[in-house]
Amino acid sequence: MTHVPTPWVLDVSVLDEVARGEAQLITFLQRCDGIGQPLVVPSLALAGVANSLHHSAEAEDLLTGVTNLEVVTVAPLKGVEQGFRLARVTAATGLDPWDGHVAAIADASVCPILTVNAKKWQDSSGALEHPLHIIEITEDPE
């Protein structure tokens, strides 16, 4: 039997750094692809970054490159139940829809959130029935 690692859910802060062209972070995500570490990119988190000041063809190309990695799954907001779950998570946590989608996926799947800002998730995590699991990228992971 082959071991499949638990997926990591990328938050808006990670995707924002990708859109900025943060080379070390992009290299880290490429390494994840190389070792088979599954990554989840919430579609609303992508929309949140696209809505930010980094909206440009270059930023979109960088984000598309990450979403095209073999280990990446882009998670849509699909169906009524997922919409209601998102609404419950955003109401409980006070998160915007972009981060709320990240939290809803992480909460439902019991997968950790990969972030460059763990502090942002502390209060939100406490507002949910089960705490969110957070992995913070703080420096070059080499």
N, C-alpha and C. Protein backbone atom coordinates (compact mmCIF):
# COMPACT_ATOMS: atom_id res chain seq x y z
N MET A 1 0.85 -1.17 0.00
CA MET A 1 0.00 0.00 0.00
C MET A 1 0.90 1.24 0.00
N THR A 2 0.58 2.21 -0.82
CA THR A 2 1.34 3.44 -0.94
C THR A 2 0.80 4.48 0.02
N HIS A 3 1.71 5.14 0.72
CA HIS A 3 1.31 6.20 1.65
C HIS A 3 1.09 7.50 0.88
N VAL A 4 -0.06 8.13 1.07
CA VAL A 4 -0.34 9.44 0.47
C VAL A 4 -0.40 10.45 1.61
N PRO A 5 0.49 11.44 1.56
CA PRO A 5 0.49 12.45 2.64
C PRO A 5 -0.83 13.23 2.69
N THR A 6 -1.13 13.75 3.88
CA THR A 6 -2.30 14.60 4.06
C THR A 6 -2.11 15.87 3.25
N PRO A 7 -3.11 16.27 2.47
CA PRO A 7 -2.99 17.51 1.68
C PRO A 7 -2.87 18.75 2.57
N TRP A 8 -2.21 19.75 2.05
CA TRP A 8 -2.12 21.06 2.69
C TRP A 8 -2.98 22.02 1.89
N VAL A 9 -3.77 22.84 2.58
CA VAL A 9 -4.64 23.83 1.94
C VAL A 9 -3.88 25.16 1.92
N LEU A 10 -3.64 25.69 0.72
CA LEU A 10 -2.92 26.96 0.60
C LEU A 10 -3.87 28.11 0.89
N ASP A 11 -3.41 29.04 1.73
CA ASP A 11 -4.26 30.18 2.05
C ASP A 11 -3.93 31.37 1.14
N VAL A 12 -4.68 32.44 1.32
CA VAL A 12 -4.53 33.63 0.48
C VAL A 12 -3.12 34.21 0.60
N SER A 13 -2.53 34.17 1.80
CA SER A 13 -1.19 34.75 1.97
C SER A 13 -0.15 34.02 1.12
N VAL A 14 -0.27 32.72 1.01
CA VAL A 14 0.67 31.94 0.17
C VAL A 14 0.44 32.27 -1.30
N LEU A 15 -0.82 32.29 -1.71
CA LEU A 15 -1.12 32.60 -3.11
C LEU A 15 -0.74 34.03 -3.46
N ASP A 16 -0.87 34.94 -2.51
CA ASP A 16 -0.46 36.32 -2.73
C ASP A 16 1.05 36.41 -2.97
N GLU A 17 1.82 35.66 -2.20
CA GLU A 17 3.27 35.64 -2.38
C GLU A 17 3.64 35.04 -3.75
N VAL A 18 2.91 34.03 -4.17
CA VAL A 18 3.12 33.47 -5.51
C VAL A 18 2.87 34.54 -6.56
N ALA A 19 1.75 35.25 -6.41
CA ALA A 19 1.39 36.30 -7.38
C ALA A 19 2.44 37.41 -7.43
N ARG A 20 3.11 37.64 -6.32
CA ARG A 20 4.18 38.65 -6.25
C ARG A 20 5.49 38.13 -6.87
N GLY A 21 5.52 36.83 -7.17
CA GLY A 21 6.73 36.25 -7.75
C GLY A 21 7.77 35.85 -6.73
N GLU A 22 7.37 35.58 -5.49
CA GLU A 22 8.28 35.19 -4.41
C GLU A 22 8.94 33.84 -4.79
N ALA A 23 10.17 33.94 -5.28
CA ALA A 23 10.87 32.79 -5.87
C ALA A 23 11.08 31.64 -4.89
N GLN A 24 11.45 31.92 -3.65
CA GLN A 24 11.69 30.84 -2.69
C GLN A 24 10.42 30.06 -2.40
N LEU A 25 9.31 30.76 -2.30
CA LEU A 25 8.04 30.08 -2.03
C LEU A 25 7.61 29.25 -3.24
N ILE A 26 7.76 29.80 -4.43
CA ILE A 26 7.41 29.05 -5.64
C ILE A 26 8.28 27.80 -5.74
N THR A 27 9.58 27.94 -5.43
CA THR A 27 10.48 26.79 -5.45
C THR A 27 10.04 25.75 -4.42
N PHE A 28 9.62 26.21 -3.23
CA PHE A 28 9.12 25.30 -2.21
C PHE A 28 7.91 24.51 -2.72
N LEU A 29 6.98 25.20 -3.37
CA LEU A 29 5.79 24.51 -3.90
C LEU A 29 6.18 23.54 -5.00
N GLN A 30 7.17 23.88 -5.81
CA GLN A 30 7.66 22.96 -6.83
C GLN A 30 8.31 21.74 -6.19
N ARG A 31 8.99 21.95 -5.06
CA ARG A 31 9.56 20.80 -4.33
C ARG A 31 8.45 19.90 -3.80
N CYS A 32 7.38 20.51 -3.32
CA CYS A 32 6.23 19.72 -2.87
C CYS A 32 5.73 18.84 -4.01
N ASP A 33 5.67 19.42 -5.20
CA ASP A 33 5.26 18.66 -6.38
C ASP A 33 6.22 17.50 -6.63
N GLY A 34 7.51 17.77 -6.49
CA GLY A 34 8.52 16.76 -6.74
C GLY A 34 8.46 15.58 -5.78
N ILE A 35 8.03 15.82 -4.54
CA ILE A 35 7.96 14.74 -3.56
C ILE A 35 6.55 14.16 -3.41
N GLY A 36 5.60 14.72 -4.15
CA GLY A 36 4.24 14.20 -4.11
C GLY A 36 3.39 14.68 -2.95
N GLN A 37 3.74 15.85 -2.39
CA GLN A 37 2.94 16.42 -1.29
C GLN A 37 1.69 17.08 -1.88
N PRO A 38 0.49 16.51 -1.64
CA PRO A 38 -0.73 17.08 -2.20
C PRO A 38 -1.01 18.48 -1.64
N LEU A 39 -1.45 19.36 -2.53
CA LEU A 39 -1.80 20.74 -2.17
C LEU A 39 -3.20 21.03 -2.69
N VAL A 40 -3.96 21.80 -1.93
CA VAL A 40 -5.30 22.20 -2.32
C VAL A 40 -5.33 23.72 -2.43
N VAL A 41 -5.84 24.22 -3.54
CA VAL A 41 -5.99 25.65 -3.76
C VAL A 41 -7.49 25.95 -3.83
N PRO A 42 -8.04 26.59 -2.79
CA PRO A 42 -9.46 26.94 -2.83
C PRO A 42 -9.72 27.98 -3.92
N SER A 43 -10.74 27.75 -4.72
CA SER A 43 -11.03 28.66 -5.84
C SER A 43 -11.33 30.08 -5.36
N LEU A 44 -11.98 30.23 -4.23
CA LEU A 44 -12.26 31.58 -3.73
C LEU A 44 -10.99 32.27 -3.24
N ALA A 45 -10.01 31.52 -2.76
CA ALA A 45 -8.74 32.12 -2.38
C ALA A 45 -8.04 32.67 -3.63
N LEU A 46 -8.11 31.94 -4.73
CA LEU A 46 -7.58 32.45 -6.01
C LEU A 46 -8.29 33.73 -6.40
N ALA A 47 -9.61 33.74 -6.26
CA ALA A 47 -10.38 34.94 -6.61
C ALA A 47 -9.98 36.12 -5.71
N GLY A 48 -9.72 35.86 -4.44
CA GLY A 48 -9.31 36.92 -3.53
C GLY A 48 -7.99 37.55 -3.93
N VAL A 49 -7.05 36.72 -4.36
CA VAL A 49 -5.76 37.24 -4.81
C VAL A 49 -5.94 38.00 -6.13
N ALA A 50 -6.73 37.46 -7.03
CA ALA A 50 -6.98 38.13 -8.31
C ALA A 50 -7.66 39.48 -8.09
N ASN A 51 -8.41 39.59 -7.01
CA ASN A 51 -9.11 40.84 -6.67
C ASN A 51 -8.17 41.88 -6.06
N SER A 52 -6.99 41.43 -5.65
CA SER A 52 -6.05 42.33 -4.97
C SER A 52 -5.27 43.19 -5.96
N LEU A 53 -4.38 43.98 -5.43
CA LEU A 53 -3.59 44.88 -6.27
C LEU A 53 -2.62 44.16 -7.19
N HIS A 54 -2.45 42.89 -7.05
CA HIS A 54 -1.51 42.14 -7.88
C HIS A 54 -2.13 41.63 -9.18
N HIS A 55 -3.35 42.05 -9.44
CA HIS A 55 -4.03 41.57 -10.65
C HIS A 55 -3.26 42.04 -11.88
N SER A 56 -2.61 41.09 -12.50
CA SER A 56 -1.83 41.37 -13.71
C SER A 56 -1.66 40.07 -14.46
N ALA A 57 -1.29 40.18 -15.72
CA ALA A 57 -1.08 38.98 -16.53
C ALA A 57 0.05 38.13 -15.95
N GLU A 58 1.11 38.78 -15.47
CA GLU A 58 2.24 38.04 -14.89
C GLU A 58 1.80 37.29 -13.63
N ALA A 59 1.05 37.97 -12.76
CA ALA A 59 0.56 37.33 -11.53
C ALA A 59 -0.36 36.16 -11.87
N GLU A 60 -1.23 36.35 -12.84
CA GLU A 60 -2.13 35.25 -13.24
C GLU A 60 -1.33 34.08 -13.80
N ASP A 61 -0.27 34.36 -14.56
CA ASP A 61 0.57 33.28 -15.09
C ASP A 61 1.25 32.51 -13.96
N LEU A 62 1.75 33.23 -12.96
CA LEU A 62 2.40 32.57 -11.82
C LEU A 62 1.41 31.70 -11.05
N LEU A 63 0.22 32.22 -10.81
CA LEU A 63 -0.80 31.45 -10.11
C LEU A 63 -1.24 30.24 -10.93
N THR A 64 -1.39 30.44 -12.22
CA THR A 64 -1.76 29.32 -13.10
C THR A 64 -0.68 28.25 -13.08
N GLY A 65 0.58 28.68 -13.06
CA GLY A 65 1.68 27.72 -12.99
C GLY A 65 1.60 26.86 -11.75
N VAL A 66 1.30 27.46 -10.61
CA VAL A 66 1.18 26.69 -9.37
C VAL A 66 -0.03 25.76 -9.45
N THR A 67 -1.15 26.24 -9.95
CA THR A 67 -2.34 25.39 -10.00
C THR A 67 -2.17 24.25 -11.01
N ASN A 68 -1.22 24.37 -11.92
CA ASN A 68 -0.97 23.31 -12.90
C ASN A 68 0.02 22.26 -12.40
N LEU A 69 0.57 22.46 -11.19
CA LEU A 69 1.45 21.42 -10.64
C LEU A 69 0.64 20.13 -10.48
N GLU A 70 1.31 19.01 -10.67
CA GLU A 70 0.62 17.72 -10.65
C GLU A 70 -0.07 17.44 -9.30
N VAL A 71 0.50 17.93 -8.21
CA VAL A 71 -0.04 17.62 -6.88
C VAL A 71 -1.16 18.57 -6.44
N VAL A 72 -1.46 19.57 -7.26
CA VAL A 72 -2.44 20.59 -6.86
C VAL A 72 -3.84 20.22 -7.33
N THR A 73 -4.78 20.37 -6.41
CA THR A 73 -6.20 20.27 -6.73
C THR A 73 -6.81 21.63 -6.47
N VAL A 74 -7.48 22.19 -7.46
CA VAL A 74 -8.22 23.43 -7.25
C VAL A 74 -9.60 23.04 -6.76
N ALA A 75 -9.95 23.50 -5.56
CA ALA A 75 -11.21 23.12 -4.94
C ALA A 75 -12.28 24.17 -5.25
N PRO A 76 -13.31 23.76 -5.98
CA PRO A 76 -14.38 24.71 -6.28
C PRO A 76 -15.32 24.85 -5.08
N LEU A 77 -16.15 25.85 -5.14
CA LEU A 77 -17.27 25.96 -4.22
C LEU A 77 -18.43 25.33 -4.96
N LYS A 78 -18.79 24.12 -4.56
CA LYS A 78 -19.72 23.32 -5.35
C LYS A 78 -20.96 22.94 -4.54
N GLY A 79 -22.09 23.32 -5.03
CA GLY A 79 -23.33 22.87 -4.44
C GLY A 79 -23.81 23.69 -3.26
N VAL A 80 -25.04 23.46 -2.93
CA VAL A 80 -25.72 24.19 -1.87
C VAL A 80 -25.08 23.94 -0.51
N GLU A 81 -24.79 22.67 -0.20
CA GLU A 81 -24.23 22.34 1.11
C GLU A 81 -22.89 23.03 1.34
N GLN A 82 -22.04 23.07 0.32
CA GLN A 82 -20.76 23.76 0.47
C GLN A 82 -20.96 25.26 0.64
N GLY A 83 -21.94 25.81 -0.05
CA GLY A 83 -22.27 27.22 0.12
C GLY A 83 -22.73 27.51 1.54
N PHE A 84 -23.57 26.65 2.08
CA PHE A 84 -24.04 26.82 3.46
C PHE A 84 -22.89 26.65 4.45
N ARG A 85 -22.01 25.68 4.19
CA ARG A 85 -20.86 25.46 5.08
C ARG A 85 -19.97 26.71 5.09
N LEU A 86 -19.72 27.29 3.90
CA LEU A 86 -18.93 28.51 3.81
C LEU A 86 -19.58 29.63 4.62
N ALA A 87 -20.90 29.76 4.49
CA ALA A 87 -21.61 30.81 5.23
C ALA A 87 -21.48 30.60 6.74
N ARG A 88 -21.59 29.36 7.19
CA ARG A 88 -21.46 29.07 8.63
C ARG A 88 -20.05 29.39 9.12
N VAL A 89 -19.04 29.02 8.33
CA VAL A 89 -17.65 29.26 8.75
C VAL A 89 -17.35 30.76 8.78
N THR A 90 -17.78 31.50 7.77
CA THR A 90 -17.51 32.94 7.76
C THR A 90 -18.27 33.65 8.89
N ALA A 91 -19.48 33.20 9.18
CA ALA A 91 -20.24 33.80 10.28
C ALA A 91 -19.56 33.53 11.62
N ALA A 92 -19.07 32.31 11.81
CA ALA A 92 -18.44 31.95 13.08
C ALA A 92 -17.08 32.61 13.28
N THR A 93 -16.34 32.77 12.19
CA THR A 93 -14.95 33.24 12.30
C THR A 93 -14.76 34.71 12.00
N GLY A 94 -15.69 35.31 11.25
CA GLY A 94 -15.52 36.70 10.82
C GLY A 94 -14.57 36.84 9.64
N LEU A 95 -14.16 35.73 9.05
CA LEU A 95 -13.26 35.78 7.89
C LEU A 95 -14.00 36.27 6.66
N ASP A 96 -13.26 36.85 5.72
CA ASP A 96 -13.85 37.20 4.43
C ASP A 96 -14.09 35.91 3.65
N PRO A 97 -14.85 35.95 2.56
CA PRO A 97 -15.14 34.73 1.81
C PRO A 97 -13.89 34.01 1.30
N TRP A 98 -12.84 34.78 0.95
CA TRP A 98 -11.63 34.14 0.40
C TRP A 98 -11.00 33.23 1.45
N ASP A 99 -10.76 33.78 2.65
CA ASP A 99 -10.17 32.99 3.73
C ASP A 99 -11.19 32.02 4.32
N GLY A 100 -12.46 32.40 4.28
CA GLY A 100 -13.50 31.50 4.76
C GLY A 100 -13.54 30.20 3.98
N HIS A 101 -13.30 30.29 2.67
CA HIS A 101 -13.27 29.07 1.85
C HIS A 101 -12.09 28.20 2.25
N VAL A 102 -10.95 28.82 2.52
CA VAL A 102 -9.78 28.07 3.00
C VAL A 102 -10.13 27.35 4.30
N ALA A 103 -10.71 28.08 5.25
CA ALA A 103 -11.06 27.50 6.55
C ALA A 103 -12.11 26.40 6.41
N ALA A 104 -13.10 26.62 5.57
CA ALA A 104 -14.16 25.61 5.39
C ALA A 104 -13.59 24.31 4.83
N ILE A 105 -12.68 24.43 3.86
CA ILE A 105 -12.07 23.22 3.29
C ILE A 105 -11.20 22.53 4.34
N ALA A 106 -10.37 23.30 5.02
CA ALA A 106 -9.49 22.72 6.04
C ALA A 106 -10.29 22.07 7.16
N ASP A 107 -11.37 22.71 7.57
CA ASP A 107 -12.21 22.19 8.64
C ASP A 107 -12.91 20.91 8.21
N ALA A 108 -13.48 20.90 7.02
CA ALA A 108 -14.23 19.74 6.55
C ALA A 108 -13.33 18.54 6.29
N SER A 109 -12.13 18.81 5.78
CA SER A 109 -11.24 17.72 5.38
C SER A 109 -10.20 17.37 6.44
N VAL A 110 -10.15 18.15 7.52
CA VAL A 110 -9.16 18.00 8.58
C VAL A 110 -7.75 18.00 7.98
N CYS A 111 -7.52 18.97 7.11
CA CYS A 111 -6.21 19.17 6.49
C CYS A 111 -5.62 20.48 7.02
N PRO A 112 -4.31 20.52 7.18
CA PRO A 112 -3.70 21.76 7.67
C PRO A 112 -3.70 22.87 6.62
N ILE A 113 -3.69 24.09 7.10
CA ILE A 113 -3.59 25.27 6.25
C ILE A 113 -2.12 25.67 6.18
N LEU A 114 -1.61 25.84 4.97
CA LEU A 114 -0.26 26.33 4.75
C LEU A 114 -0.34 27.84 4.57
N THR A 115 0.40 28.58 5.40
CA THR A 115 0.29 30.04 5.42
C THR A 115 1.65 30.68 5.65
N VAL A 116 1.75 31.95 5.37
CA VAL A 116 2.91 32.73 5.77
C VAL A 116 2.55 33.65 6.94
N ASN A 117 1.32 33.51 7.45
CA ASN A 117 0.85 34.36 8.55
C ASN A 117 -0.06 33.55 9.48
N ALA A 118 0.55 32.76 10.36
CA ALA A 118 -0.23 31.91 11.26
C ALA A 118 -1.08 32.72 12.23
N LYS A 119 -0.63 33.90 12.61
CA LYS A 119 -1.38 34.74 13.56
C LYS A 119 -2.79 35.03 13.05
N LYS A 120 -2.93 35.20 11.74
CA LYS A 120 -4.23 35.49 11.15
C LYS A 120 -5.24 34.39 11.48
N TRP A 121 -4.79 33.17 11.67
CA TRP A 121 -5.68 32.03 11.85
C TRP A 121 -5.98 31.72 13.32
N GLN A 122 -5.29 32.32 14.26
CA GLN A 122 -5.45 31.97 15.68
C GLN A 122 -6.88 32.18 16.17
N ASP A 123 -7.42 33.37 16.00
CA ASP A 123 -8.77 33.66 16.48
C ASP A 123 -9.81 32.86 15.71
N SER A 124 -9.61 32.76 14.41
CA SER A 124 -10.56 32.02 13.57
C SER A 124 -10.63 30.56 13.98
N SER A 125 -9.49 29.99 14.27
CA SER A 125 -9.45 28.59 14.66
C SER A 125 -10.25 28.34 15.93
N GLY A 126 -10.15 29.23 16.89
CA GLY A 126 -10.87 29.08 18.15
C GLY A 126 -12.37 29.21 18.01
N ALA A 127 -12.84 29.82 16.94
CA ALA A 127 -14.27 30.02 16.73
C ALA A 127 -14.97 28.79 16.17
N LEU A 128 -14.19 27.82 15.73
CA LEU A 128 -14.77 26.61 15.13
C LEU A 128 -14.84 25.48 16.17
N GLU A 129 -15.68 24.51 15.91
CA GLU A 129 -15.86 23.39 16.84
C GLU A 129 -14.54 22.64 17.05
N HIS A 130 -13.79 22.44 15.98
CA HIS A 130 -12.49 21.77 16.06
C HIS A 130 -11.44 22.76 15.59
N PRO A 131 -10.31 22.83 16.28
CA PRO A 131 -9.29 23.80 15.88
C PRO A 131 -8.70 23.48 14.50
N LEU A 132 -8.35 24.53 13.80
CA LEU A 132 -7.68 24.37 12.52
C LEU A 132 -6.22 24.01 12.78
N HIS A 133 -5.64 23.26 11.88
CA HIS A 133 -4.23 22.91 11.97
C HIS A 133 -3.49 23.85 11.01
N ILE A 134 -2.44 24.49 11.51
CA ILE A 134 -1.75 25.52 10.75
C ILE A 134 -0.29 25.14 10.59
N ILE A 135 0.23 25.29 9.37
CA ILE A 135 1.66 25.17 9.08
C ILE A 135 2.10 26.51 8.55
N GLU A 136 3.04 27.14 9.25
CA GLU A 136 3.50 28.46 8.85
C GLU A 136 4.87 28.34 8.16
N ILE A 137 4.99 28.97 7.01
CA ILE A 137 6.26 29.07 6.31
C ILE A 137 6.93 30.34 6.83
N THR A 138 8.08 30.17 7.49
CA THR A 138 8.72 31.32 8.11
C THR A 138 10.05 31.69 7.46
N GLU A 139 10.66 30.76 6.75
CA GLU A 139 11.93 31.03 6.09
C GLU A 139 12.13 30.02 4.98
N ASP A 140 13.24 30.14 4.27
CA ASP A 140 13.55 29.20 3.21
C ASP A 140 13.57 27.80 3.79
N PRO A 141 12.71 26.90 3.30
CA PRO A 141 12.59 25.56 3.90
C PRO A 141 13.71 24.59 3.54
N GLU A 142 14.81 25.05 2.95
CA GLU A 142 15.90 24.13 2.60
C GLU A 142 16.55 23.56 3.81
